[in-house]
Amino acid sequence: MATFREDPYSAFNFLVSLNDGQESELVGGFSDVSGLGVEVSYAEYRNGNEKVNTVRKIANTFKVDDIILKRGLIGSTALWEWLTNVSAGAHEPRLVVITLLDEAREAVASWELRNAQPKKWTGPTLAAKGGGEVAMEELSLVCEGCKYS
């Protein structure tokens, strides 16, 4: 995995697996991944007999930010079907793995999103001008945990 080096890794070489790296109808050729983030909440506590008049910060729960995946519209309805199944009450959590690659396309870091589920799908913006833009779709995911390795 990641090793120390002087130059930072480029952000354009990555893979997205929507089913723990196993073959699936869910195609993961995305052009953008954003929103990777974890936030820890803290409780404030102070004993009545503390000599210092400040509170302690005690870590308690944490949350993982929503992850947004973007790709060109390719005609596959698998992402839409996953969202509609979940919105109809199906429980379809998946292990989503985002892997950063180096220049030789070797894995250097990965983020595992535990129990990821679709939250929102956004379709392409269509405009009859120019004709040189790609129709893009977005999928927002929620998850219950993020593991970095």
N, C-alpha and C. Protein backbone atom coordinates (compact mmCIF):
# COMPACT_ATOMS: atom_id res chain seq x y z
N MET A 1 0.83 -1.18 0.00
CA MET A 1 0.00 0.00 0.00
C MET A 1 0.88 1.25 0.00
N ALA A 2 0.36 2.34 0.52
CA ALA A 2 1.05 3.63 0.43
C ALA A 2 2.41 3.59 1.12
N THR A 3 3.38 4.15 0.43
CA THR A 3 4.70 4.30 1.02
C THR A 3 5.07 5.77 0.94
N PHE A 4 5.93 6.19 1.86
CA PHE A 4 6.34 7.59 1.89
C PHE A 4 7.10 7.93 0.62
N ARG A 5 6.79 9.09 0.04
CA ARG A 5 7.52 9.60 -1.10
C ARG A 5 7.41 11.12 -1.09
N GLU A 6 8.30 11.78 -1.80
CA GLU A 6 8.34 13.24 -1.82
C GLU A 6 7.15 13.85 -2.56
N ASP A 7 6.76 13.26 -3.68
CA ASP A 7 5.67 13.79 -4.48
C ASP A 7 4.34 13.15 -4.06
N PRO A 8 3.29 13.95 -3.93
CA PRO A 8 1.99 13.37 -3.59
C PRO A 8 1.43 12.56 -4.76
N TYR A 9 0.52 11.65 -4.44
CA TYR A 9 -0.11 10.84 -5.46
C TYR A 9 -1.10 11.67 -6.27
N SER A 10 -1.25 11.35 -7.53
CA SER A 10 -2.22 12.01 -8.39
C SER A 10 -3.62 11.55 -8.03
N ALA A 11 -4.60 12.41 -8.27
CA ALA A 11 -5.98 12.11 -7.90
C ALA A 11 -6.78 11.49 -9.04
N PHE A 12 -6.16 11.25 -10.19
CA PHE A 12 -6.94 10.80 -11.34
C PHE A 12 -6.92 9.29 -11.56
N ASN A 13 -6.11 8.54 -10.84
CA ASN A 13 -6.05 7.09 -10.97
C ASN A 13 -6.75 6.44 -9.79
N PHE A 14 -7.96 5.96 -10.01
CA PHE A 14 -8.68 5.30 -8.92
C PHE A 14 -9.68 4.32 -9.48
N LEU A 15 -10.10 3.40 -8.62
CA LEU A 15 -11.12 2.42 -8.95
C LEU A 15 -12.22 2.49 -7.91
N VAL A 16 -13.45 2.23 -8.33
CA VAL A 16 -14.58 2.16 -7.41
C VAL A 16 -15.24 0.80 -7.58
N SER A 17 -15.31 0.04 -6.50
CA SER A 17 -16.01 -1.24 -6.49
C SER A 17 -17.28 -1.07 -5.67
N LEU A 18 -18.41 -1.35 -6.28
CA LEU A 18 -19.70 -1.19 -5.61
C LEU A 18 -20.21 -2.49 -5.00
N ASN A 19 -19.40 -3.51 -5.01
CA ASN A 19 -19.85 -4.79 -4.47
C ASN A 19 -18.67 -5.59 -3.94
N ASP A 20 -17.79 -4.97 -3.17
CA ASP A 20 -16.65 -5.63 -2.54
C ASP A 20 -15.74 -6.30 -3.56
N GLY A 21 -15.58 -5.68 -4.73
CA GLY A 21 -14.67 -6.21 -5.73
C GLY A 21 -15.19 -7.41 -6.49
N GLN A 22 -16.39 -7.87 -6.20
CA GLN A 22 -16.95 -9.02 -6.89
C GLN A 22 -17.70 -8.57 -8.13
N GLU A 23 -17.84 -9.47 -9.09
CA GLU A 23 -18.56 -9.15 -10.32
C GLU A 23 -20.00 -8.80 -9.99
N SER A 24 -20.52 -7.80 -10.65
CA SER A 24 -21.86 -7.32 -10.37
C SER A 24 -22.35 -6.52 -11.57
N GLU A 25 -23.65 -6.28 -11.62
CA GLU A 25 -24.20 -5.41 -12.66
C GLU A 25 -23.84 -3.96 -12.40
N LEU A 26 -23.45 -3.63 -11.19
CA LEU A 26 -23.14 -2.25 -10.86
C LEU A 26 -21.78 -1.88 -11.42
N VAL A 27 -21.79 -1.09 -12.48
CA VAL A 27 -20.57 -0.69 -13.15
C VAL A 27 -19.94 0.47 -12.38
N GLY A 28 -18.63 0.40 -12.13
CA GLY A 28 -18.00 1.41 -11.31
C GLY A 28 -16.99 2.28 -12.02
N GLY A 29 -17.20 2.64 -13.29
CA GLY A 29 -16.29 3.50 -14.01
C GLY A 29 -16.63 4.97 -13.79
N PHE A 30 -16.22 5.53 -12.67
CA PHE A 30 -16.61 6.89 -12.30
C PHE A 30 -15.50 7.88 -12.61
N SER A 31 -15.90 9.12 -12.93
CA SER A 31 -14.92 10.16 -13.23
C SER A 31 -14.58 10.99 -12.01
N ASP A 32 -15.46 11.01 -11.00
CA ASP A 32 -15.24 11.81 -9.80
C ASP A 32 -15.74 11.06 -8.57
N VAL A 33 -14.99 11.19 -7.50
CA VAL A 33 -15.41 10.72 -6.18
C VAL A 33 -15.15 11.88 -5.23
N SER A 34 -16.18 12.30 -4.49
CA SER A 34 -15.98 13.39 -3.54
C SER A 34 -16.76 13.09 -2.26
N GLY A 35 -16.39 13.80 -1.20
CA GLY A 35 -17.09 13.67 0.06
C GLY A 35 -16.49 12.71 1.05
N LEU A 36 -15.34 12.12 0.74
CA LEU A 36 -14.72 11.21 1.71
C LEU A 36 -14.36 12.01 2.96
N GLY A 37 -14.99 11.70 4.07
CA GLY A 37 -14.71 12.42 5.30
C GLY A 37 -15.37 11.76 6.49
N VAL A 38 -14.74 11.89 7.63
CA VAL A 38 -15.24 11.34 8.89
C VAL A 38 -15.18 12.45 9.93
N GLU A 39 -16.23 12.56 10.74
CA GLU A 39 -16.29 13.58 11.78
C GLU A 39 -16.62 12.92 13.11
N VAL A 40 -15.83 13.23 14.14
CA VAL A 40 -16.04 12.70 15.49
C VAL A 40 -16.78 13.74 16.32
N SER A 41 -17.81 13.31 17.01
CA SER A 41 -18.53 14.20 17.93
C SER A 41 -17.94 14.04 19.33
N TYR A 42 -17.97 15.13 20.10
CA TYR A 42 -17.42 15.11 21.45
C TYR A 42 -18.47 15.59 22.44
N ALA A 43 -18.47 14.96 23.60
CA ALA A 43 -19.32 15.41 24.71
C ALA A 43 -18.45 16.24 25.64
N GLU A 44 -19.07 17.26 26.23
CA GLU A 44 -18.34 18.09 27.20
C GLU A 44 -18.72 17.63 28.60
N TYR A 45 -17.70 17.47 29.44
CA TYR A 45 -17.93 16.98 30.80
C TYR A 45 -17.00 17.72 31.75
N ARG A 46 -17.52 18.03 32.91
CA ARG A 46 -16.69 18.66 33.94
C ARG A 46 -17.14 18.17 35.31
N ASN A 47 -16.19 17.68 36.10
CA ASN A 47 -16.48 17.33 37.49
C ASN A 47 -16.72 18.60 38.28
N GLY A 48 -17.58 18.55 39.27
CA GLY A 48 -17.86 19.71 40.10
C GLY A 48 -16.67 20.13 40.95
N ASN A 49 -15.76 19.19 41.23
CA ASN A 49 -14.61 19.52 42.08
C ASN A 49 -13.33 19.75 41.29
N GLU A 50 -13.44 19.96 39.98
CA GLU A 50 -12.25 20.22 39.14
C GLU A 50 -11.60 21.53 39.58
N LYS A 51 -10.27 21.56 39.64
CA LYS A 51 -9.56 22.77 40.02
C LYS A 51 -9.45 23.74 38.84
N VAL A 52 -9.49 23.21 37.64
CA VAL A 52 -9.41 24.05 36.45
C VAL A 52 -10.82 24.26 35.92
N ASN A 53 -11.14 25.48 35.57
CA ASN A 53 -12.50 25.83 35.16
C ASN A 53 -12.70 25.62 33.65
N THR A 54 -12.41 24.42 33.17
CA THR A 54 -12.65 24.08 31.77
C THR A 54 -13.31 22.70 31.71
N VAL A 55 -13.90 22.42 30.59
CA VAL A 55 -14.54 21.11 30.42
C VAL A 55 -13.58 20.16 29.71
N ARG A 56 -13.81 18.89 29.93
CA ARG A 56 -13.09 17.85 29.19
C ARG A 56 -13.86 17.55 27.92
N LYS A 57 -13.17 17.16 26.90
CA LYS A 57 -13.79 16.75 25.64
C LYS A 57 -13.64 15.23 25.54
N ILE A 58 -14.78 14.54 25.53
CA ILE A 58 -14.78 13.09 25.50
C ILE A 58 -15.39 12.63 24.18
N ALA A 59 -14.60 11.89 23.41
CA ALA A 59 -15.07 11.40 22.11
C ALA A 59 -16.22 10.42 22.32
N ASN A 60 -17.26 10.55 21.49
CA ASN A 60 -18.35 9.58 21.56
C ASN A 60 -18.67 9.07 20.16
N THR A 61 -19.68 9.53 19.50
CA THR A 61 -20.05 8.98 18.20
C THR A 61 -19.27 9.65 17.07
N PHE A 62 -19.33 9.03 15.91
CA PHE A 62 -18.74 9.63 14.72
C PHE A 62 -19.70 9.44 13.56
N LYS A 63 -19.53 10.24 12.53
CA LYS A 63 -20.34 10.07 11.34
C LYS A 63 -19.44 10.16 10.12
N VAL A 64 -19.89 9.50 9.07
CA VAL A 64 -19.18 9.52 7.80
C VAL A 64 -19.98 10.41 6.85
N ASP A 65 -19.30 11.32 6.17
CA ASP A 65 -19.96 12.21 5.23
C ASP A 65 -20.54 11.42 4.05
N ASP A 66 -21.52 12.01 3.38
CA ASP A 66 -22.06 11.41 2.18
C ASP A 66 -20.99 11.43 1.09
N ILE A 67 -20.91 10.35 0.33
CA ILE A 67 -19.95 10.22 -0.75
C ILE A 67 -20.70 10.42 -2.06
N ILE A 68 -20.13 11.19 -2.96
CA ILE A 68 -20.77 11.46 -4.25
C ILE A 68 -19.91 10.87 -5.36
N LEU A 69 -20.53 10.03 -6.16
CA LEU A 69 -19.87 9.42 -7.32
C LEU A 69 -20.47 10.01 -8.58
N LYS A 70 -19.62 10.39 -9.54
CA LYS A 70 -20.09 10.96 -10.80
C LYS A 70 -19.52 10.15 -11.96
N ARG A 71 -20.35 9.99 -12.98
CA ARG A 71 -19.89 9.31 -14.20
C ARG A 71 -20.73 9.75 -15.38
N GLY A 72 -20.21 9.49 -16.57
CA GLY A 72 -20.97 9.75 -17.78
C GLY A 72 -22.11 8.74 -17.88
N LEU A 73 -23.25 9.19 -18.33
CA LEU A 73 -24.42 8.33 -18.49
C LEU A 73 -24.11 7.29 -19.56
N ILE A 74 -24.14 6.01 -19.19
CA ILE A 74 -23.72 4.96 -20.12
C ILE A 74 -24.86 4.04 -20.55
N GLY A 75 -26.07 4.31 -20.11
CA GLY A 75 -27.20 3.48 -20.51
C GLY A 75 -27.51 2.35 -19.55
N SER A 76 -26.66 2.12 -18.57
CA SER A 76 -26.93 1.09 -17.56
C SER A 76 -27.90 1.65 -16.52
N THR A 77 -28.90 0.86 -16.15
CA THR A 77 -29.88 1.30 -15.16
C THR A 77 -29.60 0.70 -13.78
N ALA A 78 -28.45 0.07 -13.60
CA ALA A 78 -28.16 -0.62 -12.34
C ALA A 78 -28.15 0.32 -11.14
N LEU A 79 -27.57 1.52 -11.28
CA LEU A 79 -27.55 2.46 -10.15
C LEU A 79 -28.96 2.92 -9.82
N TRP A 80 -29.76 3.21 -10.84
CA TRP A 80 -31.14 3.63 -10.66
C TRP A 80 -31.95 2.53 -9.98
N GLU A 81 -31.77 1.28 -10.42
CA GLU A 81 -32.50 0.16 -9.83
C GLU A 81 -32.12 -0.05 -8.37
N TRP A 82 -30.84 0.11 -8.04
CA TRP A 82 -30.41 -0.01 -6.64
C TRP A 82 -31.13 1.03 -5.79
N LEU A 83 -31.16 2.27 -6.27
CA LEU A 83 -31.85 3.34 -5.54
C LEU A 83 -33.34 3.07 -5.41
N THR A 84 -34.00 2.67 -6.48
CA THR A 84 -35.45 2.44 -6.41
C THR A 84 -35.77 1.23 -5.54
N ASN A 85 -34.94 0.21 -5.53
CA ASN A 85 -35.16 -0.92 -4.63
C ASN A 85 -35.08 -0.49 -3.18
N VAL A 86 -34.08 0.34 -2.85
CA VAL A 86 -33.93 0.82 -1.48
C VAL A 86 -35.09 1.74 -1.10
N SER A 87 -35.50 2.60 -2.04
CA SER A 87 -36.61 3.51 -1.73
C SER A 87 -37.93 2.77 -1.57
N ALA A 88 -38.02 1.55 -2.13
CA ALA A 88 -39.22 0.74 -1.97
C ALA A 88 -39.17 -0.13 -0.71
N GLY A 89 -38.11 -0.01 0.06
CA GLY A 89 -38.04 -0.73 1.33
C GLY A 89 -37.03 -1.86 1.38
N ALA A 90 -36.37 -2.17 0.29
CA ALA A 90 -35.38 -3.24 0.29
C ALA A 90 -34.16 -2.81 1.09
N HIS A 91 -33.56 -3.76 1.77
CA HIS A 91 -32.32 -3.49 2.52
C HIS A 91 -31.18 -4.07 1.69
N GLU A 92 -30.45 -3.20 0.98
CA GLU A 92 -29.39 -3.64 0.08
C GLU A 92 -28.06 -2.93 0.36
N PRO A 93 -27.55 -3.00 1.60
CA PRO A 93 -26.26 -2.36 1.86
C PRO A 93 -25.13 -3.10 1.15
N ARG A 94 -24.12 -2.36 0.76
CA ARG A 94 -22.97 -2.95 0.06
C ARG A 94 -21.68 -2.42 0.67
N LEU A 95 -20.64 -3.19 0.48
CA LEU A 95 -19.30 -2.72 0.83
C LEU A 95 -18.74 -2.05 -0.41
N VAL A 96 -18.58 -0.73 -0.37
CA VAL A 96 -18.03 0.02 -1.49
C VAL A 96 -16.57 0.28 -1.19
N VAL A 97 -15.70 -0.03 -2.14
CA VAL A 97 -14.26 0.15 -1.95
C VAL A 97 -13.75 1.13 -3.01
N ILE A 98 -13.10 2.20 -2.53
CA ILE A 98 -12.49 3.19 -3.41
C ILE A 98 -10.99 3.03 -3.26
N THR A 99 -10.30 2.75 -4.37
CA THR A 99 -8.87 2.46 -4.33
C THR A 99 -8.10 3.48 -5.15
N LEU A 100 -7.13 4.13 -4.51
CA LEU A 100 -6.24 5.07 -5.18
C LEU A 100 -5.07 4.31 -5.77
N LEU A 101 -4.72 4.62 -7.02
CA LEU A 101 -3.62 3.93 -7.72
C LEU A 101 -2.48 4.90 -7.97
N ASP A 102 -1.25 4.37 -8.03
CA ASP A 102 -0.11 5.21 -8.38
C ASP A 102 0.06 5.22 -9.90
N GLU A 103 1.15 5.79 -10.37
CA GLU A 103 1.38 5.94 -11.81
C GLU A 103 1.51 4.59 -12.52
N ALA A 104 1.95 3.56 -11.80
CA ALA A 104 2.07 2.21 -12.37
C ALA A 104 0.78 1.41 -12.19
N ARG A 105 -0.29 2.07 -11.74
CA ARG A 105 -1.61 1.47 -11.50
C ARG A 105 -1.57 0.40 -10.40
N GLU A 106 -0.68 0.61 -9.44
CA GLU A 106 -0.63 -0.24 -8.25
C GLU A 106 -1.41 0.44 -7.14
N ALA A 107 -2.14 -0.33 -6.34
CA ALA A 107 -2.94 0.23 -5.25
C ALA A 107 -2.03 0.82 -4.18
N VAL A 108 -2.32 2.06 -3.77
CA VAL A 108 -1.53 2.71 -2.73
C VAL A 108 -2.37 3.08 -1.51
N ALA A 109 -3.67 3.17 -1.67
CA ALA A 109 -4.56 3.47 -0.54
C ALA A 109 -5.96 3.04 -0.92
N SER A 110 -6.76 2.70 0.09
CA SER A 110 -8.16 2.37 -0.19
C SER A 110 -9.03 2.79 0.98
N TRP A 111 -10.28 3.06 0.65
CA TRP A 111 -11.29 3.42 1.64
C TRP A 111 -12.44 2.45 1.48
N GLU A 112 -12.76 1.74 2.56
CA GLU A 112 -13.89 0.79 2.54
C GLU A 112 -15.07 1.46 3.23
N LEU A 113 -16.16 1.59 2.50
CA LEU A 113 -17.38 2.19 3.02
C LEU A 113 -18.31 1.06 3.41
N ARG A 114 -18.49 0.87 4.72
CA ARG A 114 -19.28 -0.25 5.24
C ARG A 114 -20.77 0.07 5.18
N ASN A 115 -21.54 -0.91 4.73
CA ASN A 115 -23.00 -0.80 4.64
C ASN A 115 -23.45 0.45 3.87
N ALA A 116 -22.83 0.66 2.72
CA ALA A 116 -23.19 1.82 1.89
C ALA A 116 -24.52 1.56 1.19
N GLN A 117 -25.32 2.62 1.13
CA GLN A 117 -26.61 2.55 0.45
C GLN A 117 -26.83 3.85 -0.32
N PRO A 118 -27.59 3.78 -1.41
CA PRO A 118 -27.83 5.00 -2.18
C PRO A 118 -28.78 5.94 -1.45
N LYS A 119 -28.47 7.22 -1.53
CA LYS A 119 -29.31 8.24 -0.91
C LYS A 119 -30.01 9.10 -1.97
N LYS A 120 -29.27 9.42 -3.04
CA LYS A 120 -29.82 10.32 -4.04
C LYS A 120 -29.15 10.05 -5.38
N TRP A 121 -29.96 10.07 -6.42
CA TRP A 121 -29.45 9.99 -7.79
C TRP A 121 -29.82 11.29 -8.49
N THR A 122 -28.86 11.87 -9.20
CA THR A 122 -29.11 13.09 -9.96
C THR A 122 -28.78 12.81 -11.41
N GLY A 123 -29.73 13.08 -12.27
CA GLY A 123 -29.55 12.84 -13.69
C GLY A 123 -28.80 13.96 -14.37
N PRO A 124 -28.58 13.81 -15.67
CA PRO A 124 -27.79 14.79 -16.41
C PRO A 124 -28.54 16.10 -16.63
N THR A 125 -27.77 17.17 -16.76
CA THR A 125 -28.31 18.45 -17.20
C THR A 125 -28.26 18.44 -18.72
N LEU A 126 -29.41 18.60 -19.33
CA LEU A 126 -29.48 18.52 -20.79
C LEU A 126 -29.66 19.92 -21.36
N ALA A 127 -28.86 20.27 -22.36
CA ALA A 127 -28.94 21.58 -23.00
C ALA A 127 -28.64 21.40 -24.48
N ALA A 128 -29.41 22.08 -25.32
CA ALA A 128 -29.26 21.95 -26.77
C ALA A 128 -28.26 22.96 -27.32
N LYS A 129 -27.17 23.17 -26.63
CA LYS A 129 -26.14 24.11 -27.11
C LYS A 129 -24.83 23.35 -27.29
N GLY A 130 -24.05 23.79 -28.18
CA GLY A 130 -22.69 23.26 -28.33
C GLY A 130 -22.61 21.81 -28.76
N GLY A 131 -23.03 20.92 -27.91
CA GLY A 131 -22.98 19.50 -28.23
C GLY A 131 -21.70 18.80 -27.82
N GLY A 132 -20.81 19.48 -27.12
CA GLY A 132 -19.56 18.85 -26.75
C GLY A 132 -19.49 18.36 -25.32
N GLU A 133 -20.55 18.51 -24.55
CA GLU A 133 -20.52 18.10 -23.14
C GLU A 133 -21.08 16.69 -22.97
N VAL A 134 -20.60 16.01 -21.96
CA VAL A 134 -21.03 14.65 -21.66
C VAL A 134 -22.21 14.70 -20.69
N ALA A 135 -23.22 13.85 -20.92
CA ALA A 135 -24.35 13.71 -19.99
C ALA A 135 -23.85 12.95 -18.76
N MET A 136 -23.92 13.60 -17.60
CA MET A 136 -23.37 13.02 -16.36
C MET A 136 -24.49 12.64 -15.40
N GLU A 137 -24.26 11.57 -14.64
CA GLU A 137 -25.15 11.21 -13.55
C GLU A 137 -24.36 11.17 -12.26
N GLU A 138 -25.05 11.43 -11.15
CA GLU A 138 -24.43 11.44 -9.82
C GLU A 138 -25.18 10.48 -8.91
N LEU A 139 -24.44 9.80 -8.06
CA LEU A 139 -25.04 8.95 -7.04
C LEU A 139 -24.45 9.34 -5.70
N SER A 140 -25.32 9.72 -4.75
CA SER A 140 -24.88 10.03 -3.39
C SER A 140 -25.10 8.79 -2.54
N LEU A 141 -24.08 8.45 -1.76
CA LEU A 141 -24.14 7.28 -0.89
C LEU A 141 -24.04 7.69 0.57
N VAL A 142 -24.73 6.96 1.42
CA VAL A 142 -24.52 7.05 2.86
C VAL A 142 -23.89 5.74 3.30
N CYS A 143 -23.17 5.76 4.40
CA CYS A 143 -22.58 4.52 4.91
C CYS A 143 -22.44 4.60 6.42
N GLU A 144 -22.16 3.47 7.01
CA GLU A 144 -22.08 3.38 8.47
C GLU A 144 -20.66 3.38 9.01
N GLY A 145 -19.68 3.38 8.14
CA GLY A 145 -18.31 3.40 8.60
C GLY A 145 -17.35 3.51 7.43
N CYS A 146 -16.17 4.05 7.70
CA CYS A 146 -15.15 4.20 6.68
C CYS A 146 -13.83 3.69 7.24
N LYS A 147 -13.24 2.75 6.54
CA LYS A 147 -11.96 2.19 6.98
C LYS A 147 -10.91 2.55 5.93
N TYR A 148 -9.82 3.17 6.38
CA TYR A 148 -8.73 3.56 5.50
C TYR A 148 -7.61 2.54 5.62
N SER A 149 -7.06 2.14 4.50
CA SER A 149 -5.90 1.24 4.55
C SER A 149 -4.99 1.51 3.38
